[in-house]
Amino acid sequence: MNASHRMMKRNGFSLIEIMVVVVILGILAAVVVPQVMSRPAEARVSKVKQDLRAIESALKLYKLDNYGYPTTEQGLEALTERPIGLPDTANWNPEGYLDRVPQDPWGKPYVYLSPGQHGAFDLYTLGADGRKEGIDENADFGNWQLN
């Protein structure tokens, strides 16, 4: 057999090689998926933390440009659309500070208060039930709790 003939016979994978890969993928799926699927509450808390940090950063940029945070009345929409009224936003970035204001993992808007009870502004979610207080998934989680 010459070299070109051996190369022609070696094109593709054998059935055994494919079966080994399928078995390995099956084992990985059996181990990984239950670990990920059994922790939806932790995933939601992670999303809340990421959202709060992103919105907090946008608010800080807004403050740098406009010398203050948006009022409670102007809300987080001031990060995507130029707010109307006072305080003046003459230096508002025409591209905005966020593409869109995210919702919490339960599909509800984040609550924004300026001035806040815990700092210059409070940014928080009311949890799965959408009401103050609560435990586990119903617990409130705010920017003052970020570590």
N, C-alpha and C. Protein backbone atom coordinates (compact mmCIF):
# COMPACT_ATOMS: atom_id res chain seq x y z
N MET A 1 0.83 -1.19 0.00
CA MET A 1 0.00 0.00 0.00
C MET A 1 0.87 1.24 0.00
N ASN A 2 0.53 2.17 -0.85
CA ASN A 2 1.29 3.42 -0.84
C ASN A 2 0.63 4.43 0.10
N ALA A 3 1.30 5.52 0.34
CA ALA A 3 0.85 6.50 1.33
C ALA A 3 -0.48 7.12 0.95
N SER A 4 -0.72 7.41 -0.32
CA SER A 4 -1.98 8.04 -0.72
C SER A 4 -3.15 7.08 -0.51
N HIS A 5 -2.95 5.81 -0.70
CA HIS A 5 -4.01 4.83 -0.50
C HIS A 5 -4.36 4.73 0.98
N ARG A 6 -3.37 4.76 1.90
CA ARG A 6 -3.62 4.72 3.34
C ARG A 6 -4.38 5.97 3.79
N MET A 7 -4.05 7.12 3.23
CA MET A 7 -4.73 8.36 3.60
C MET A 7 -6.19 8.33 3.17
N MET A 8 -6.48 7.74 2.02
CA MET A 8 -7.85 7.68 1.54
C MET A 8 -8.69 6.78 2.44
N LYS A 9 -8.14 5.73 2.98
CA LYS A 9 -8.87 4.82 3.84
C LYS A 9 -9.13 5.44 5.22
N ARG A 10 -8.39 6.45 5.62
CA ARG A 10 -8.46 7.03 6.96
C ARG A 10 -9.39 8.25 7.02
N ASN A 11 -10.10 8.62 5.98
CA ASN A 11 -11.01 9.77 6.01
C ASN A 11 -12.22 9.44 6.87
N GLY A 12 -12.59 10.32 7.79
CA GLY A 12 -13.76 10.14 8.64
C GLY A 12 -13.43 9.43 9.94
N PHE A 13 -14.48 9.20 10.76
CA PHE A 13 -14.33 8.55 12.06
C PHE A 13 -14.99 7.19 12.01
N SER A 14 -14.48 6.29 12.82
CA SER A 14 -15.09 4.97 12.89
C SER A 14 -16.29 5.03 13.83
N LEU A 15 -17.14 4.03 13.76
CA LEU A 15 -18.31 3.95 14.61
C LEU A 15 -17.90 3.89 16.09
N ILE A 16 -16.85 3.19 16.38
CA ILE A 16 -16.36 3.07 17.76
C ILE A 16 -15.95 4.44 18.29
N GLU A 17 -15.23 5.23 17.50
CA GLU A 17 -14.79 6.57 17.93
C GLU A 17 -16.00 7.46 18.21
N ILE A 18 -16.98 7.40 17.34
CA ILE A 18 -18.19 8.22 17.53
C ILE A 18 -18.92 7.78 18.79
N MET A 19 -19.03 6.48 19.02
CA MET A 19 -19.72 5.97 20.21
C MET A 19 -19.00 6.40 21.49
N VAL A 20 -17.68 6.39 21.49
CA VAL A 20 -16.91 6.83 22.66
C VAL A 20 -17.21 8.29 22.97
N VAL A 21 -17.25 9.14 21.95
CA VAL A 21 -17.54 10.56 22.14
C VAL A 21 -18.96 10.73 22.68
N VAL A 22 -19.93 10.00 22.14
CA VAL A 22 -21.32 10.11 22.59
C VAL A 22 -21.44 9.68 24.06
N VAL A 23 -20.77 8.61 24.44
CA VAL A 23 -20.80 8.14 25.82
C VAL A 23 -20.18 9.18 26.76
N ILE A 24 -19.06 9.77 26.37
CA ILE A 24 -18.41 10.80 27.19
C ILE A 24 -19.33 12.00 27.36
N LEU A 25 -19.96 12.44 26.27
CA LEU A 25 -20.89 13.57 26.37
C LEU A 25 -22.08 13.22 27.26
N GLY A 26 -22.58 12.01 27.18
CA GLY A 26 -23.68 11.58 28.03
C GLY A 26 -23.30 11.60 29.50
N ILE A 27 -22.10 11.13 29.81
CA ILE A 27 -21.64 11.14 31.20
C ILE A 27 -21.49 12.57 31.70
N LEU A 28 -20.91 13.44 30.88
CA LEU A 28 -20.78 14.85 31.28
C LEU A 28 -22.14 15.49 31.53
N ALA A 29 -23.09 15.23 30.64
CA ALA A 29 -24.43 15.80 30.80
C ALA A 29 -25.09 15.27 32.06
N ALA A 30 -24.90 14.00 32.36
CA ALA A 30 -25.51 13.41 33.55
C ALA A 30 -24.92 14.00 34.83
N VAL A 31 -23.69 14.44 34.78
CA VAL A 31 -23.04 15.00 35.97
C VAL A 31 -23.28 16.50 36.08
N VAL A 32 -23.16 17.23 34.99
CA VAL A 32 -23.21 18.70 35.02
C VAL A 32 -24.63 19.24 35.09
N VAL A 33 -25.55 18.73 34.30
CA VAL A 33 -26.89 19.30 34.22
C VAL A 33 -27.59 19.30 35.57
N PRO A 34 -27.60 18.19 36.33
CA PRO A 34 -28.26 18.26 37.64
C PRO A 34 -27.63 19.30 38.57
N GLN A 35 -26.32 19.49 38.48
CA GLN A 35 -25.65 20.49 39.33
C GLN A 35 -26.14 21.89 39.00
N VAL A 36 -26.30 22.18 37.71
CA VAL A 36 -26.73 23.50 37.28
C VAL A 36 -28.22 23.68 37.52
N MET A 37 -29.01 22.68 37.20
CA MET A 37 -30.45 22.79 37.30
C MET A 37 -30.95 22.81 38.75
N SER A 38 -30.18 22.29 39.66
CA SER A 38 -30.62 22.25 41.05
C SER A 38 -30.34 23.57 41.78
N ARG A 39 -29.80 24.55 41.10
CA ARG A 39 -29.44 25.81 41.75
C ARG A 39 -30.04 27.04 41.07
N PRO A 40 -31.32 27.02 40.72
CA PRO A 40 -31.88 28.20 40.05
C PRO A 40 -31.91 29.43 40.94
N ALA A 41 -32.09 29.23 42.26
CA ALA A 41 -32.13 30.39 43.16
C ALA A 41 -30.78 31.09 43.19
N GLU A 42 -29.68 30.31 43.20
CA GLU A 42 -28.35 30.91 43.18
C GLU A 42 -28.10 31.64 41.86
N ALA A 43 -28.61 31.08 40.78
CA ALA A 43 -28.44 31.73 39.47
C ALA A 43 -29.18 33.07 39.44
N ARG A 44 -30.36 33.12 40.04
CA ARG A 44 -31.12 34.37 40.07
C ARG A 44 -30.41 35.43 40.91
N VAL A 45 -29.85 35.03 42.03
CA VAL A 45 -29.11 35.97 42.88
C VAL A 45 -27.89 36.49 42.13
N SER A 46 -27.22 35.63 41.39
CA SER A 46 -26.07 36.07 40.58
C SER A 46 -26.50 37.09 39.54
N LYS A 47 -27.64 36.85 38.90
CA LYS A 47 -28.14 37.79 37.89
C LYS A 47 -28.47 39.13 38.54
N VAL A 48 -29.09 39.09 39.71
CA VAL A 48 -29.41 40.34 40.42
C VAL A 48 -28.13 41.12 40.70
N LYS A 49 -27.11 40.44 41.21
CA LYS A 49 -25.84 41.11 41.52
C LYS A 49 -25.22 41.72 40.27
N GLN A 50 -25.23 40.99 39.16
CA GLN A 50 -24.66 41.52 37.91
C GLN A 50 -25.45 42.72 37.43
N ASP A 51 -26.78 42.62 37.48
CA ASP A 51 -27.61 43.75 37.05
C ASP A 51 -27.37 44.98 37.93
N LEU A 52 -27.33 44.77 39.25
CA LEU A 52 -27.14 45.91 40.15
C LEU A 52 -25.80 46.59 39.90
N ARG A 53 -24.76 45.79 39.67
CA ARG A 53 -23.44 46.38 39.39
C ARG A 53 -23.44 47.16 38.08
N ALA A 54 -24.09 46.60 37.05
CA ALA A 54 -24.14 47.28 35.75
C ALA A 54 -24.92 48.59 35.85
N ILE A 55 -26.06 48.56 36.52
CA ILE A 55 -26.88 49.77 36.66
C ILE A 55 -26.14 50.79 37.54
N GLU A 56 -25.50 50.31 38.59
CA GLU A 56 -24.73 51.19 39.48
C GLU A 56 -23.62 51.91 38.70
N SER A 57 -22.93 51.19 37.84
CA SER A 57 -21.87 51.79 37.01
C SER A 57 -22.45 52.85 36.08
N ALA A 58 -23.59 52.54 35.47
CA ALA A 58 -24.24 53.51 34.58
C ALA A 58 -24.67 54.75 35.35
N LEU A 59 -25.17 54.56 36.56
CA LEU A 59 -25.57 55.70 37.40
C LEU A 59 -24.37 56.58 37.75
N LYS A 60 -23.24 55.96 38.01
CA LYS A 60 -22.03 56.72 38.33
C LYS A 60 -21.56 57.54 37.12
N LEU A 61 -21.64 56.95 35.92
CA LEU A 61 -21.30 57.70 34.71
C LEU A 61 -22.27 58.87 34.51
N TYR A 62 -23.55 58.61 34.75
CA TYR A 62 -24.56 59.66 34.66
C TYR A 62 -24.21 60.81 35.59
N LYS A 63 -23.83 60.46 36.82
CA LYS A 63 -23.48 61.49 37.81
C LYS A 63 -22.26 62.30 37.36
N LEU A 64 -21.26 61.63 36.78
CA LEU A 64 -20.08 62.35 36.29
C LEU A 64 -20.46 63.39 35.25
N ASP A 65 -21.38 63.04 34.37
CA ASP A 65 -21.79 63.96 33.31
C ASP A 65 -22.74 65.04 33.79
N ASN A 66 -23.61 64.71 34.72
CA ASN A 66 -24.72 65.61 35.09
C ASN A 66 -24.66 66.12 36.52
N TYR A 67 -23.57 65.82 37.23
CA TYR A 67 -23.32 66.34 38.58
C TYR A 67 -24.33 65.87 39.63
N GLY A 68 -25.01 64.80 39.36
CA GLY A 68 -25.95 64.23 40.32
C GLY A 68 -26.64 63.02 39.72
N TYR A 69 -27.26 62.25 40.57
CA TYR A 69 -28.00 61.07 40.10
C TYR A 69 -29.39 61.48 39.63
N PRO A 70 -30.01 60.67 38.78
CA PRO A 70 -31.40 60.98 38.41
C PRO A 70 -32.28 60.96 39.65
N THR A 71 -33.34 61.74 39.64
CA THR A 71 -34.27 61.73 40.76
C THR A 71 -35.09 60.44 40.72
N THR A 72 -35.78 60.17 41.80
CA THR A 72 -36.66 59.00 41.84
C THR A 72 -37.71 59.12 40.74
N GLU A 73 -38.22 60.33 40.53
CA GLU A 73 -39.24 60.55 39.50
C GLU A 73 -38.69 60.28 38.09
N GLN A 74 -37.46 60.69 37.84
CA GLN A 74 -36.85 60.44 36.53
C GLN A 74 -36.57 58.95 36.36
N GLY A 75 -36.24 58.30 37.45
CA GLY A 75 -36.06 56.85 37.45
C GLY A 75 -34.89 56.36 36.62
N LEU A 76 -34.81 55.06 36.48
CA LEU A 76 -33.73 54.44 35.72
C LEU A 76 -33.86 54.68 34.22
N GLU A 77 -35.03 55.12 33.78
CA GLU A 77 -35.21 55.44 32.36
C GLU A 77 -34.30 56.59 31.94
N ALA A 78 -33.83 57.38 32.92
CA ALA A 78 -32.90 58.48 32.63
C ALA A 78 -31.58 57.94 32.10
N LEU A 79 -31.33 56.65 32.26
CA LEU A 79 -30.10 56.06 31.75
C LEU A 79 -30.21 55.66 30.28
N THR A 80 -31.44 55.59 29.77
CA THR A 80 -31.64 55.20 28.37
C THR A 80 -32.20 56.33 27.52
N GLU A 81 -32.96 57.23 28.15
CA GLU A 81 -33.56 58.37 27.43
C GLU A 81 -33.32 59.64 28.23
N ARG A 82 -33.04 60.71 27.53
CA ARG A 82 -32.77 61.98 28.22
C ARG A 82 -33.98 62.40 29.05
N PRO A 83 -33.78 62.60 30.35
CA PRO A 83 -34.92 62.98 31.19
C PRO A 83 -35.35 64.42 30.94
N ILE A 84 -36.62 64.63 31.14
CA ILE A 84 -37.20 65.96 30.97
C ILE A 84 -37.39 66.56 32.36
N GLY A 85 -37.19 67.85 32.47
CA GLY A 85 -37.40 68.53 33.75
C GLY A 85 -36.11 68.70 34.52
N LEU A 86 -36.27 69.04 35.79
CA LEU A 86 -35.13 69.31 36.64
C LEU A 86 -34.73 68.05 37.39
N PRO A 87 -33.50 67.89 37.75
CA PRO A 87 -32.38 68.78 37.47
C PRO A 87 -31.97 68.74 36.00
N ASP A 88 -31.34 69.83 35.58
CA ASP A 88 -30.92 69.98 34.20
C ASP A 88 -29.92 68.89 33.81
N THR A 89 -30.06 68.38 32.61
CA THR A 89 -29.16 67.33 32.13
C THR A 89 -28.46 67.79 30.85
N ALA A 90 -27.86 68.97 30.91
CA ALA A 90 -27.21 69.55 29.73
C ALA A 90 -26.08 68.69 29.20
N ASN A 91 -25.43 67.94 30.06
CA ASN A 91 -24.30 67.10 29.64
C ASN A 91 -24.68 65.64 29.45
N TRP A 92 -25.98 65.35 29.33
CA TRP A 92 -26.45 63.98 29.17
C TRP A 92 -25.83 63.37 27.91
N ASN A 93 -25.33 62.16 28.02
CA ASN A 93 -24.69 61.48 26.90
C ASN A 93 -25.75 61.11 25.85
N PRO A 94 -25.61 61.59 24.62
CA PRO A 94 -26.62 61.29 23.58
C PRO A 94 -26.76 59.79 23.28
N GLU A 95 -25.74 59.02 23.62
CA GLU A 95 -25.82 57.56 23.40
C GLU A 95 -26.46 56.85 24.59
N GLY A 96 -26.75 57.58 25.64
CA GLY A 96 -27.33 56.98 26.84
C GLY A 96 -26.26 56.31 27.68
N TYR A 97 -26.69 55.71 28.76
CA TYR A 97 -25.76 55.06 29.69
C TYR A 97 -25.99 53.55 29.75
N LEU A 98 -27.15 53.12 29.29
CA LEU A 98 -27.48 51.71 29.14
C LEU A 98 -28.27 51.55 27.85
N ASP A 99 -28.14 50.41 27.21
CA ASP A 99 -28.96 50.14 26.02
C ASP A 99 -30.42 50.00 26.42
N ARG A 100 -30.64 49.30 27.53
CA ARG A 100 -31.99 49.14 28.07
C ARG A 100 -31.85 48.90 29.57
N VAL A 101 -32.89 49.21 30.30
CA VAL A 101 -32.88 48.96 31.74
C VAL A 101 -33.32 47.51 31.95
N PRO A 102 -32.46 46.69 32.56
CA PRO A 102 -32.84 45.28 32.75
C PRO A 102 -33.94 45.13 33.79
N GLN A 103 -34.66 44.02 33.67
CA GLN A 103 -35.64 43.66 34.69
C GLN A 103 -35.01 42.61 35.60
N ASP A 104 -35.56 42.45 36.79
CA ASP A 104 -35.01 41.45 37.70
C ASP A 104 -35.31 40.05 37.14
N PRO A 105 -34.74 39.01 37.72
CA PRO A 105 -34.93 37.65 37.18
C PRO A 105 -36.37 37.16 37.20
N TRP A 106 -37.26 37.86 37.91
CA TRP A 106 -38.67 37.48 37.97
C TRP A 106 -39.52 38.33 37.05
N GLY A 107 -38.86 39.12 36.20
CA GLY A 107 -39.57 39.91 35.20
C GLY A 107 -40.15 41.22 35.70
N LYS A 108 -39.70 41.68 36.85
CA LYS A 108 -40.20 42.93 37.42
C LYS A 108 -39.12 44.00 37.34
N PRO A 109 -39.51 45.27 37.28
CA PRO A 109 -38.50 46.33 37.26
C PRO A 109 -37.77 46.46 38.59
N TYR A 110 -36.52 46.87 38.52
CA TYR A 110 -35.77 47.17 39.74
C TYR A 110 -36.32 48.47 40.34
N VAL A 111 -36.28 48.57 41.65
CA VAL A 111 -36.76 49.76 42.36
C VAL A 111 -35.57 50.71 42.53
N TYR A 112 -35.79 51.99 42.21
CA TYR A 112 -34.73 53.00 42.32
C TYR A 112 -35.26 54.17 43.15
N LEU A 113 -34.50 54.53 44.17
CA LEU A 113 -34.82 55.68 45.01
C LEU A 113 -33.61 56.59 45.12
N SER A 114 -33.81 57.88 44.88
CA SER A 114 -32.73 58.84 45.02
C SER A 114 -33.29 60.11 45.63
N PRO A 115 -32.86 60.51 46.79
CA PRO A 115 -31.84 59.88 47.62
C PRO A 115 -32.38 58.60 48.25
N GLY A 116 -31.44 57.72 48.60
CA GLY A 116 -31.83 56.44 49.17
C GLY A 116 -31.70 56.43 50.69
N GLN A 117 -32.17 55.38 51.30
CA GLN A 117 -32.05 55.23 52.75
C GLN A 117 -30.69 54.65 53.14
N HIS A 118 -30.00 54.03 52.17
CA HIS A 118 -28.72 53.38 52.46
C HIS A 118 -27.53 54.10 51.82
N GLY A 119 -27.78 55.18 51.12
CA GLY A 119 -26.72 55.90 50.44
C GLY A 119 -27.31 56.95 49.52
N ALA A 120 -26.51 57.39 48.56
CA ALA A 120 -26.98 58.41 47.62
C ALA A 120 -28.18 57.92 46.83
N PHE A 121 -28.23 56.62 46.56
CA PHE A 121 -29.39 56.02 45.90
C PHE A 121 -29.53 54.58 46.37
N ASP A 122 -30.74 54.10 46.33
CA ASP A 122 -31.02 52.70 46.61
C ASP A 122 -31.52 52.06 45.32
N LEU A 123 -30.99 50.91 45.03
CA LEU A 123 -31.36 50.15 43.84
C LEU A 123 -31.58 48.72 44.31
N TYR A 124 -32.79 48.21 44.13
CA TYR A 124 -33.06 46.87 44.67
C TYR A 124 -34.20 46.17 43.95
N THR A 125 -34.31 44.87 44.22
CA THR A 125 -35.42 44.07 43.74
C THR A 125 -36.21 43.61 44.96
N LEU A 126 -37.50 43.41 44.77
CA LEU A 126 -38.36 42.94 45.84
C LEU A 126 -38.48 41.41 45.86
N GLY A 127 -37.71 40.74 45.02
CA GLY A 127 -37.72 39.28 45.01
C GLY A 127 -38.87 38.71 44.20
N ALA A 128 -39.05 37.41 44.30
CA ALA A 128 -40.03 36.69 43.48
C ALA A 128 -41.46 37.14 43.73
N ASP A 129 -41.78 37.47 44.99
CA ASP A 129 -43.17 37.82 45.31
C ASP A 129 -43.50 39.29 45.01
N GLY A 130 -42.49 40.12 44.75
CA GLY A 130 -42.74 41.52 44.42
C GLY A 130 -43.21 42.36 45.60
N ARG A 131 -43.02 41.86 46.83
CA ARG A 131 -43.44 42.59 48.03
C ARG A 131 -42.25 42.80 48.95
N LYS A 132 -42.32 43.82 49.77
CA LYS A 132 -41.23 44.10 50.72
C LYS A 132 -41.07 42.95 51.69
N GLU A 133 -39.80 42.82 52.13
CA GLU A 133 -39.42 41.77 53.08
C GLU A 133 -39.46 40.40 52.40
N GLY A 134 -39.52 39.36 53.16
CA GLY A 134 -39.56 38.00 52.63
C GLY A 134 -38.25 37.26 52.87
N ILE A 135 -38.28 35.97 52.62
CA ILE A 135 -37.11 35.13 52.78
C ILE A 135 -36.90 34.32 51.52
N ASP A 136 -35.71 33.75 51.40
CA ASP A 136 -35.32 32.95 50.24
C ASP A 136 -35.54 33.72 48.95
N GLU A 137 -36.31 33.18 48.01
CA GLU A 137 -36.50 33.86 46.72
C GLU A 137 -37.37 35.10 46.85
N ASN A 138 -38.09 35.25 47.94
CA ASN A 138 -38.94 36.42 48.15
C ASN A 138 -38.20 37.55 48.85
N ALA A 139 -36.95 37.34 49.20
CA ALA A 139 -36.17 38.35 49.92
C ALA A 139 -35.83 39.52 49.01
N ASP A 140 -35.76 40.69 49.61
CA ASP A 140 -35.31 41.89 48.89
C ASP A 140 -33.79 41.83 48.80
N PHE A 141 -33.24 42.36 47.72
CA PHE A 141 -31.79 42.39 47.57
C PHE A 141 -31.42 43.71 46.93
N GLY A 142 -30.54 44.48 47.58
CA GLY A 142 -30.21 45.82 47.09
C GLY A 142 -28.72 46.06 46.93
N ASN A 143 -28.41 47.19 46.31
CA ASN A 143 -27.02 47.54 46.01
C ASN A 143 -26.18 47.71 47.28
N TRP A 144 -26.79 48.03 48.39
CA TRP A 144 -26.04 48.18 49.64
C TRP A 144 -25.60 46.83 50.20
N GLN A 145 -26.12 45.72 49.65
CA GLN A 145 -25.75 44.39 50.09
C GLN A 145 -24.65 43.76 49.24
N LEU A 146 -24.24 44.46 48.20
CA LEU A 146 -23.19 43.91 47.33
C LEU A 146 -21.86 43.86 48.10
N ASN A 147 -21.11 42.81 47.87
CA ASN A 147 -19.81 42.71 48.54
C ASN A 147 -18.71 42.72 47.55
